[in-house]
C-alpha cells in the first residue's frame, strides 16, 4: 500500500505543466538544416493542440508504436504533430522519417550525448518514445507519456 502511494506521488509529480527555459530555448535542427528553438515551434502552432513525439529510428519501442501514432493522426487530423528525433546522425534521422512515412513537423536533436544531452535533460527524458501534449491554450496537459499511454493521449486531445 505504501509503495502504491509513493509511486503515485512520484508519477503525479513527473507531470509538469510547462517547459523549462532551457527546454524552450534549446536548439533543434529542422529538415532544411536551420536551427530552431522549441519555443519557436510551439509559437508556430499557437492555438492548436500539439502532440510531440520524441523518438529515434533505432528505437524498437518507437517503431512498434508508430501504427498507434498513425491511427491517432488519422482520427485527429486538426492536431499538430511534432516529431523530435534523438538519432545520432542527420542521415539516419531523415532515413527514418522516409522509411516510416511519418507525417508532421520534424526536428532533430544534434547532440552527441543523445538522451543524456542538454535537450534530453531539459525535458527529463528517460525513455523513448516519449509523448507530450499541449492544449489549444498552450498549456502542457500531458508531460510524460510513453507508448502504452495512447488512451491518455487521445483523452487529452479530445478535451
N, C-alpha and C. Protein backbone atom coordinates (compact mmCIF):
# COMPACT_ATOMS: atom_id res chain seq x y z
N UNK A 1 0.83 -1.20 0.00
CA UNK A 1 0.00 0.00 0.00
C UNK A 1 0.86 1.25 0.00
N UNK A 2 1.86 1.28 0.89
CA UNK A 2 2.74 2.43 0.96
C UNK A 2 3.48 2.62 -0.36
N UNK A 3 3.90 1.51 -0.97
CA UNK A 3 4.60 1.58 -2.25
C UNK A 3 3.71 2.21 -3.32
N UNK A 4 2.43 1.88 -3.32
CA UNK A 4 1.49 2.46 -4.29
C UNK A 4 1.35 3.96 -4.08
N UNK A 5 1.31 4.39 -2.84
CA UNK A 5 1.21 5.82 -2.53
C UNK A 5 2.47 6.54 -3.00
N UNK A 6 3.63 5.97 -2.71
CA UNK A 6 4.90 6.58 -3.12
C UNK A 6 4.97 6.65 -4.64
N UNK A 7 4.65 5.55 -5.33
CA UNK A 7 4.69 5.53 -6.80
C UNK A 7 3.72 6.55 -7.38
N UNK A 8 2.52 6.61 -6.83
CA UNK A 8 1.52 7.57 -7.30
C UNK A 8 1.99 9.00 -7.14
N UNK A 9 2.64 9.28 -6.02
CA UNK A 9 3.16 10.62 -5.78
C UNK A 9 4.27 10.95 -6.77
N UNK A 10 5.17 10.00 -7.00
CA UNK A 10 6.27 10.24 -7.94
C UNK A 10 5.72 10.45 -9.34
N UNK A 11 4.79 9.61 -9.79
CA UNK A 11 4.31 9.75 -11.16
C UNK A 11 3.46 11.00 -11.34
N UNK A 12 2.75 11.44 -10.33
CA UNK A 12 1.99 12.69 -10.43
C UNK A 12 2.94 13.87 -10.52
N UNK A 13 4.03 13.82 -9.76
CA UNK A 13 4.98 14.91 -9.77
C UNK A 13 5.73 15.01 -11.10
N UNK A 14 5.79 13.91 -11.85
CA UNK A 14 6.53 13.94 -13.11
C UNK A 14 5.71 14.58 -14.23
N UNK A 15 4.47 14.91 -13.97
CA UNK A 15 3.62 15.55 -14.98
C UNK A 15 3.72 17.07 -14.84
N UNK A 16 4.78 17.63 -15.39
CA UNK A 16 4.98 19.07 -15.33
C UNK A 16 3.92 19.77 -16.17
N UNK A 17 3.72 21.04 -15.88
CA UNK A 17 2.72 21.83 -16.59
C UNK A 17 3.33 22.84 -17.55
N UNK A 18 4.66 22.92 -17.58
CA UNK A 18 5.30 23.84 -18.51
C UNK A 18 6.74 23.37 -18.74
N UNK A 19 7.32 23.88 -19.82
CA UNK A 19 8.70 23.57 -20.15
C UNK A 19 9.63 24.52 -19.42
N UNK A 20 10.83 24.05 -19.13
CA UNK A 20 11.84 24.92 -18.54
C UNK A 20 12.34 25.89 -19.62
N UNK A 21 12.96 26.98 -19.18
CA UNK A 21 13.55 27.93 -20.13
C UNK A 21 14.60 27.25 -20.98
N UNK A 22 15.36 26.36 -20.37
CA UNK A 22 16.40 25.62 -21.11
C UNK A 22 15.78 24.80 -22.23
N UNK A 23 14.66 24.13 -21.95
CA UNK A 23 13.99 23.34 -22.99
C UNK A 23 13.46 24.25 -24.09
N UNK A 24 12.81 25.35 -23.71
CA UNK A 24 12.22 26.26 -24.70
C UNK A 24 13.28 26.89 -25.61
N UNK A 25 14.46 27.15 -25.07
CA UNK A 25 15.49 27.84 -25.83
C UNK A 25 16.51 26.90 -26.46
N UNK A 26 16.41 25.60 -26.16
CA UNK A 26 17.34 24.63 -26.74
C UNK A 26 17.20 24.59 -28.26
N UNK A 27 18.31 24.35 -28.94
CA UNK A 27 18.32 24.37 -30.40
C UNK A 27 18.04 22.98 -30.97
N UNK A 28 17.14 22.96 -31.92
CA UNK A 28 16.82 21.75 -32.69
C UNK A 28 17.10 22.07 -34.15
N UNK A 29 17.33 21.04 -34.94
CA UNK A 29 17.63 21.23 -36.36
C UNK A 29 16.40 20.83 -37.17
N UNK A 30 16.00 21.70 -38.10
CA UNK A 30 14.85 21.39 -38.96
C UNK A 30 15.33 20.58 -40.17
N UNK A 31 14.38 20.07 -40.95
CA UNK A 31 14.73 19.27 -42.12
C UNK A 31 15.62 20.01 -43.12
N UNK A 32 15.49 21.33 -43.19
CA UNK A 32 16.31 22.09 -44.14
C UNK A 32 17.66 22.51 -43.53
N UNK A 33 17.93 22.04 -42.30
CA UNK A 33 19.23 22.29 -41.68
C UNK A 33 19.32 23.54 -40.84
N UNK A 34 18.23 24.32 -40.74
CA UNK A 34 18.28 25.52 -39.91
C UNK A 34 18.03 25.16 -38.45
N UNK A 35 18.59 25.96 -37.56
CA UNK A 35 18.38 25.74 -36.13
C UNK A 35 17.16 26.52 -35.68
N UNK A 36 16.33 25.86 -34.90
CA UNK A 36 15.13 26.48 -34.34
C UNK A 36 15.04 26.11 -32.87
N UNK A 37 14.26 26.88 -32.13
CA UNK A 37 14.05 26.57 -30.71
C UNK A 37 12.70 25.87 -30.54
N UNK A 38 12.57 25.15 -29.46
CA UNK A 38 11.28 24.54 -29.14
C UNK A 38 10.23 25.64 -29.00
N UNK A 39 10.60 26.76 -28.43
CA UNK A 39 9.66 27.88 -28.28
C UNK A 39 9.13 28.33 -29.63
N UNK A 40 10.00 28.44 -30.63
CA UNK A 40 9.54 28.88 -31.96
C UNK A 40 8.62 27.84 -32.60
N UNK A 41 8.88 26.57 -32.33
CA UNK A 41 8.00 25.51 -32.85
C UNK A 41 6.62 25.63 -32.20
N UNK A 42 6.61 25.81 -30.89
CA UNK A 42 5.33 25.96 -30.17
C UNK A 42 4.60 27.21 -30.64
N UNK A 43 5.33 28.31 -30.81
CA UNK A 43 4.72 29.56 -31.27
C UNK A 43 4.10 29.40 -32.66
N UNK A 44 4.75 28.63 -33.53
CA UNK A 44 4.23 28.45 -34.89
C UNK A 44 2.96 27.60 -34.91
N UNK A 45 2.70 26.90 -33.82
CA UNK A 45 1.49 26.07 -33.72
C UNK A 45 0.49 26.63 -32.71
N UNK A 46 0.65 27.90 -32.38
CA UNK A 46 -0.20 28.56 -31.38
C UNK A 46 -1.68 28.41 -31.76
N UNK A 47 -2.51 28.08 -30.76
CA UNK A 47 -3.94 27.94 -30.98
C UNK A 47 -4.35 26.54 -31.41
N UNK A 48 -3.39 25.65 -31.56
CA UNK A 48 -3.67 24.27 -31.95
C UNK A 48 -3.26 23.32 -30.83
N UNK A 49 -3.90 22.18 -30.79
CA UNK A 49 -3.42 21.12 -29.93
C UNK A 49 -2.18 20.55 -30.59
N UNK A 50 -1.15 20.29 -29.78
CA UNK A 50 0.12 19.78 -30.30
C UNK A 50 0.46 18.47 -29.60
N UNK A 51 0.81 17.47 -30.39
CA UNK A 51 1.36 16.23 -29.84
C UNK A 51 2.82 16.18 -30.27
N UNK A 52 3.71 16.12 -29.29
CA UNK A 52 5.14 16.00 -29.55
C UNK A 52 5.53 14.55 -29.28
N UNK A 53 6.23 13.95 -30.24
CA UNK A 53 6.79 12.62 -30.03
C UNK A 53 8.30 12.75 -30.11
N UNK A 54 8.97 12.33 -29.04
CA UNK A 54 10.43 12.26 -29.05
C UNK A 54 10.75 10.80 -29.33
N UNK A 55 11.53 10.56 -30.37
CA UNK A 55 11.74 9.22 -30.89
C UNK A 55 13.13 9.08 -31.49
N UNK A 56 13.43 7.90 -32.02
CA UNK A 56 14.65 7.67 -32.81
C UNK A 56 14.39 6.48 -33.73
N UNK A 57 15.03 6.48 -34.88
CA UNK A 57 14.82 5.40 -35.85
C UNK A 57 15.36 4.07 -35.35
N UNK A 58 16.32 4.08 -34.43
CA UNK A 58 16.90 2.86 -33.88
C UNK A 58 16.10 2.28 -32.72
N UNK A 59 15.08 2.98 -32.28
CA UNK A 59 14.32 2.62 -31.08
C UNK A 59 13.20 1.64 -31.43
N UNK A 60 13.32 0.40 -30.98
CA UNK A 60 12.32 -0.63 -31.26
C UNK A 60 10.94 -0.26 -30.74
N UNK A 61 10.85 0.29 -29.53
CA UNK A 61 9.54 0.68 -28.98
C UNK A 61 8.92 1.81 -29.79
N UNK A 62 9.77 2.71 -30.33
CA UNK A 62 9.27 3.81 -31.16
C UNK A 62 8.63 3.26 -32.43
N UNK A 63 9.33 2.35 -33.08
CA UNK A 63 8.83 1.75 -34.32
C UNK A 63 7.55 0.97 -34.05
N UNK A 64 7.54 0.23 -32.95
CA UNK A 64 6.37 -0.57 -32.59
C UNK A 64 5.14 0.31 -32.33
N UNK A 65 5.34 1.54 -31.84
CA UNK A 65 4.23 2.44 -31.52
C UNK A 65 3.75 3.25 -32.73
N UNK A 66 4.46 3.20 -33.83
CA UNK A 66 4.10 4.04 -34.98
C UNK A 66 2.70 3.78 -35.53
N UNK A 67 2.23 2.54 -35.60
CA UNK A 67 0.84 2.35 -36.05
C UNK A 67 -0.17 3.07 -35.14
N UNK A 68 0.10 3.11 -33.85
CA UNK A 68 -0.79 3.84 -32.92
C UNK A 68 -0.75 5.33 -33.20
N UNK A 69 0.44 5.85 -33.49
CA UNK A 69 0.56 7.28 -33.80
C UNK A 69 -0.17 7.59 -35.10
N UNK A 70 -0.02 6.73 -36.09
CA UNK A 70 -0.69 6.96 -37.37
C UNK A 70 -2.21 6.90 -37.21
N UNK A 71 -2.70 6.00 -36.36
CA UNK A 71 -4.14 5.93 -36.08
C UNK A 71 -4.60 7.20 -35.37
N UNK A 72 -3.79 7.69 -34.43
CA UNK A 72 -4.11 8.93 -33.73
C UNK A 72 -4.19 10.09 -34.71
N UNK A 73 -3.22 10.16 -35.62
CA UNK A 73 -3.22 11.22 -36.63
C UNK A 73 -4.45 11.12 -37.54
N UNK A 74 -4.80 9.91 -37.92
CA UNK A 74 -5.94 9.70 -38.82
C UNK A 74 -7.25 10.15 -38.17
N UNK A 75 -7.40 9.87 -36.88
CA UNK A 75 -8.65 10.24 -36.21
C UNK A 75 -8.64 11.65 -35.64
N UNK A 76 -7.49 12.32 -35.66
CA UNK A 76 -7.36 13.69 -35.14
C UNK A 76 -6.54 14.54 -36.11
N UNK A 77 -7.07 14.79 -37.32
CA UNK A 77 -6.28 15.49 -38.34
C UNK A 77 -6.02 16.97 -38.05
N UNK A 78 -6.76 17.58 -37.14
CA UNK A 78 -6.57 19.00 -36.85
C UNK A 78 -5.47 19.28 -35.82
N UNK A 79 -4.89 18.22 -35.29
CA UNK A 79 -3.83 18.35 -34.29
C UNK A 79 -2.50 18.53 -35.02
N UNK A 80 -1.60 19.33 -34.44
CA UNK A 80 -0.25 19.46 -34.97
C UNK A 80 0.63 18.37 -34.37
N UNK A 81 1.34 17.66 -35.22
CA UNK A 81 2.22 16.57 -34.77
C UNK A 81 3.66 16.99 -35.00
N UNK A 82 4.43 17.00 -33.92
CA UNK A 82 5.83 17.43 -33.94
C UNK A 82 6.68 16.23 -33.52
N UNK A 83 7.58 15.83 -34.39
CA UNK A 83 8.48 14.71 -34.11
C UNK A 83 9.87 15.26 -33.86
N UNK A 84 10.42 14.90 -32.70
CA UNK A 84 11.77 15.33 -32.33
C UNK A 84 12.63 14.07 -32.22
N UNK A 85 13.63 13.98 -33.07
CA UNK A 85 14.45 12.77 -33.16
C UNK A 85 15.71 12.85 -32.31
N UNK A 86 16.02 11.73 -31.70
CA UNK A 86 17.24 11.57 -30.93
C UNK A 86 18.26 10.73 -31.71
N UNK A 87 18.08 10.61 -33.03
CA UNK A 87 19.03 9.85 -33.84
C UNK A 87 20.43 10.43 -33.73
N UNK A 88 21.42 9.60 -33.97
CA UNK A 88 22.82 10.01 -33.84
C UNK A 88 23.28 10.87 -35.01
N UNK A 89 22.71 10.63 -36.20
CA UNK A 89 23.12 11.41 -37.37
C UNK A 89 21.90 11.93 -38.12
N UNK A 90 22.11 13.01 -38.86
CA UNK A 90 21.04 13.58 -39.66
C UNK A 90 20.57 12.59 -40.73
N UNK A 91 21.51 11.85 -41.33
CA UNK A 91 21.15 10.88 -42.37
C UNK A 91 20.22 9.79 -41.83
N UNK A 92 20.54 9.26 -40.66
CA UNK A 92 19.68 8.21 -40.06
C UNK A 92 18.31 8.78 -39.71
N UNK A 93 18.29 10.02 -39.21
CA UNK A 93 17.02 10.68 -38.88
C UNK A 93 16.15 10.81 -40.12
N UNK A 94 16.71 11.36 -41.19
CA UNK A 94 15.93 11.56 -42.42
C UNK A 94 15.49 10.23 -43.03
N UNK A 95 16.36 9.22 -42.98
CA UNK A 95 16.00 7.90 -43.50
C UNK A 95 14.85 7.30 -42.69
N UNK A 96 14.85 7.52 -41.38
CA UNK A 96 13.78 7.02 -40.51
C UNK A 96 12.44 7.66 -40.83
N UNK A 97 12.46 8.96 -41.10
CA UNK A 97 11.21 9.66 -41.46
C UNK A 97 10.65 9.06 -42.74
N UNK A 98 11.52 8.87 -43.72
CA UNK A 98 11.08 8.33 -45.01
C UNK A 98 10.62 6.88 -44.88
N UNK A 99 11.39 6.07 -44.20
CA UNK A 99 11.07 4.65 -44.06
C UNK A 99 9.71 4.45 -43.38
N UNK A 100 9.47 5.23 -42.34
CA UNK A 100 8.24 5.04 -41.55
C UNK A 100 7.11 5.97 -41.98
N UNK A 101 7.36 6.76 -43.03
CA UNK A 101 6.34 7.64 -43.61
C UNK A 101 5.67 8.50 -42.55
N UNK A 102 6.49 9.17 -41.76
CA UNK A 102 5.98 10.00 -40.67
C UNK A 102 5.52 11.35 -41.19
N UNK A 103 4.28 11.68 -40.92
CA UNK A 103 3.69 12.95 -41.36
C UNK A 103 3.64 13.91 -40.18
N UNK A 104 4.16 15.10 -40.39
CA UNK A 104 4.16 16.11 -39.34
C UNK A 104 5.37 17.01 -39.50
N UNK A 105 5.68 17.72 -38.45
CA UNK A 105 6.84 18.60 -38.42
C UNK A 105 8.00 17.84 -37.79
N UNK A 106 9.17 17.94 -38.40
CA UNK A 106 10.29 17.11 -37.97
C UNK A 106 11.49 17.95 -37.55
N UNK A 107 12.08 17.54 -36.41
CA UNK A 107 13.24 18.22 -35.87
C UNK A 107 14.18 17.19 -35.28
N UNK A 108 15.46 17.55 -35.25
CA UNK A 108 16.50 16.64 -34.79
C UNK A 108 17.31 17.29 -33.69
N UNK A 109 17.59 16.51 -32.65
CA UNK A 109 18.45 16.96 -31.56
C UNK A 109 19.88 16.59 -31.94
N UNK A 110 20.64 17.57 -32.35
CA UNK A 110 22.02 17.35 -32.78
C UNK A 110 22.92 17.45 -31.55
N UNK A 111 23.00 16.36 -30.81
CA UNK A 111 23.76 16.34 -29.56
C UNK A 111 24.40 14.96 -29.42
N UNK A 112 25.70 14.92 -29.39
CA UNK A 112 26.42 13.64 -29.30
C UNK A 112 26.04 12.85 -28.05
N UNK A 113 25.57 13.53 -27.03
CA UNK A 113 25.19 12.84 -25.79
C UNK A 113 23.77 12.26 -25.86
N UNK A 114 23.08 12.49 -26.98
CA UNK A 114 21.75 11.92 -27.17
C UNK A 114 20.79 12.28 -26.06
N UNK A 115 20.11 11.26 -25.53
CA UNK A 115 19.10 11.48 -24.49
C UNK A 115 19.69 12.11 -23.24
N UNK A 116 20.97 11.91 -22.99
CA UNK A 116 21.62 12.46 -21.80
C UNK A 116 22.18 13.86 -22.05
N UNK A 117 21.98 14.38 -23.24
CA UNK A 117 22.45 15.71 -23.59
C UNK A 117 21.57 16.81 -23.01
N UNK A 118 21.85 18.04 -23.39
CA UNK A 118 21.15 19.18 -22.78
C UNK A 118 19.65 19.18 -23.08
N UNK A 119 19.23 18.86 -24.32
CA UNK A 119 17.79 18.84 -24.59
C UNK A 119 17.12 17.73 -23.80
N UNK A 120 17.70 16.54 -23.84
CA UNK A 120 17.14 15.41 -23.10
C UNK A 120 16.97 15.72 -21.62
N UNK A 121 18.00 16.31 -21.03
CA UNK A 121 17.92 16.68 -19.61
C UNK A 121 16.85 17.75 -19.38
N UNK A 122 16.73 18.68 -20.31
CA UNK A 122 15.80 19.80 -20.11
C UNK A 122 14.34 19.37 -20.15
N UNK A 123 14.06 18.22 -20.77
CA UNK A 123 12.67 17.71 -20.80
C UNK A 123 12.54 16.43 -19.98
N UNK A 124 13.53 16.16 -19.13
CA UNK A 124 13.51 14.99 -18.24
C UNK A 124 13.34 13.69 -19.02
N UNK A 125 14.07 13.57 -20.11
CA UNK A 125 13.94 12.41 -21.00
C UNK A 125 14.63 11.20 -20.41
N UNK A 126 13.83 10.17 -20.10
CA UNK A 126 14.39 8.94 -19.57
C UNK A 126 13.95 7.72 -20.36
N UNK A 127 13.14 7.93 -21.39
CA UNK A 127 12.62 6.82 -22.18
C UNK A 127 12.08 7.38 -23.49
N UNK A 128 12.26 6.63 -24.57
CA UNK A 128 11.59 6.98 -25.83
C UNK A 128 10.89 5.73 -26.33
N UNK A 129 9.78 5.86 -27.03
CA UNK A 129 9.17 7.13 -27.38
C UNK A 129 8.57 7.83 -26.17
N UNK A 130 8.57 9.12 -26.25
CA UNK A 130 8.00 9.97 -25.20
C UNK A 130 7.05 10.94 -25.87
N UNK A 131 5.89 11.11 -25.30
CA UNK A 131 4.86 11.97 -25.87
C UNK A 131 4.51 13.08 -24.90
N UNK A 132 4.34 14.28 -25.46
CA UNK A 132 3.94 15.45 -24.69
C UNK A 132 2.75 16.07 -25.43
N UNK A 133 1.69 16.40 -24.69
CA UNK A 133 0.51 17.00 -25.31
C UNK A 133 0.33 18.42 -24.76
N UNK A 134 0.13 19.36 -25.69
CA UNK A 134 -0.09 20.76 -25.34
C UNK A 134 -1.47 21.13 -25.89
N UNK A 135 -2.30 21.73 -25.04
CA UNK A 135 -3.66 22.07 -25.49
C UNK A 135 -3.68 23.35 -26.32
N UNK A 136 -4.86 23.69 -26.82
CA UNK A 136 -5.01 24.86 -27.69
C UNK A 136 -4.65 26.17 -27.00
N UNK A 137 -4.69 26.18 -25.67
CA UNK A 137 -4.33 27.38 -24.91
C UNK A 137 -2.82 27.47 -24.64
N UNK A 138 -2.08 26.48 -25.13
CA UNK A 138 -0.64 26.48 -24.95
C UNK A 138 -0.15 25.88 -23.64
N UNK A 139 -1.04 25.20 -22.94
CA UNK A 139 -0.68 24.58 -21.66
C UNK A 139 -0.30 23.12 -21.85
N UNK A 140 0.75 22.70 -21.17
CA UNK A 140 1.15 21.29 -21.20
C UNK A 140 0.13 20.52 -20.37
N UNK A 141 -0.59 19.60 -21.01
CA UNK A 141 -1.60 18.81 -20.30
C UNK A 141 -1.16 17.37 -20.07
N UNK A 142 -0.15 16.94 -20.79
CA UNK A 142 0.43 15.61 -20.58
C UNK A 142 1.92 15.75 -20.88
N UNK A 143 2.74 15.59 -19.85
CA UNK A 143 4.18 15.86 -19.99
C UNK A 143 4.98 14.58 -20.18
N UNK A 144 4.54 13.51 -19.59
CA UNK A 144 5.32 12.28 -19.63
C UNK A 144 4.42 11.10 -19.96
N UNK A 145 4.31 10.84 -21.25
CA UNK A 145 3.54 9.68 -21.70
C UNK A 145 4.46 8.80 -22.54
N UNK A 146 4.23 7.49 -22.49
CA UNK A 146 5.04 6.56 -23.28
C UNK A 146 4.12 5.77 -24.21
N UNK A 147 4.69 4.79 -24.91
CA UNK A 147 3.94 4.09 -25.96
C UNK A 147 2.72 3.33 -25.46
N UNK A 148 2.62 3.07 -24.18
CA UNK A 148 1.43 2.38 -23.66
C UNK A 148 0.34 3.35 -23.22
N UNK A 149 0.56 4.65 -23.41
CA UNK A 149 -0.36 5.68 -22.91
C UNK A 149 -1.23 6.33 -23.99
N UNK A 150 -1.47 5.66 -25.10
CA UNK A 150 -2.22 6.30 -26.18
C UNK A 150 -3.67 6.61 -25.78
N UNK A 151 -4.25 5.86 -24.86
CA UNK A 151 -5.60 6.21 -24.38
C UNK A 151 -5.57 7.57 -23.68
N UNK A 152 -4.55 7.79 -22.83
CA UNK A 152 -4.41 9.09 -22.15
C UNK A 152 -4.17 10.21 -23.15
N UNK A 153 -3.31 9.95 -24.13
CA UNK A 153 -3.01 10.95 -25.15
C UNK A 153 -4.28 11.33 -25.88
N UNK A 154 -5.05 10.34 -26.31
CA UNK A 154 -6.29 10.60 -27.03
C UNK A 154 -7.30 11.37 -26.17
N UNK A 155 -7.39 11.04 -24.89
CA UNK A 155 -8.30 11.75 -23.99
C UNK A 155 -7.94 13.23 -23.90
N UNK A 156 -6.66 13.53 -23.84
CA UNK A 156 -6.22 14.93 -23.74
C UNK A 156 -6.47 15.67 -25.04
N UNK A 157 -6.34 14.98 -26.16
CA UNK A 157 -6.56 15.63 -27.47
C UNK A 157 -8.01 16.03 -27.65
N UNK A 158 -8.94 15.18 -27.22
CA UNK A 158 -10.36 15.44 -27.50
C UNK A 158 -11.03 16.32 -26.45
N UNK A 159 -10.30 16.73 -25.43
CA UNK A 159 -10.88 17.61 -24.40
C UNK A 159 -11.22 18.95 -24.96
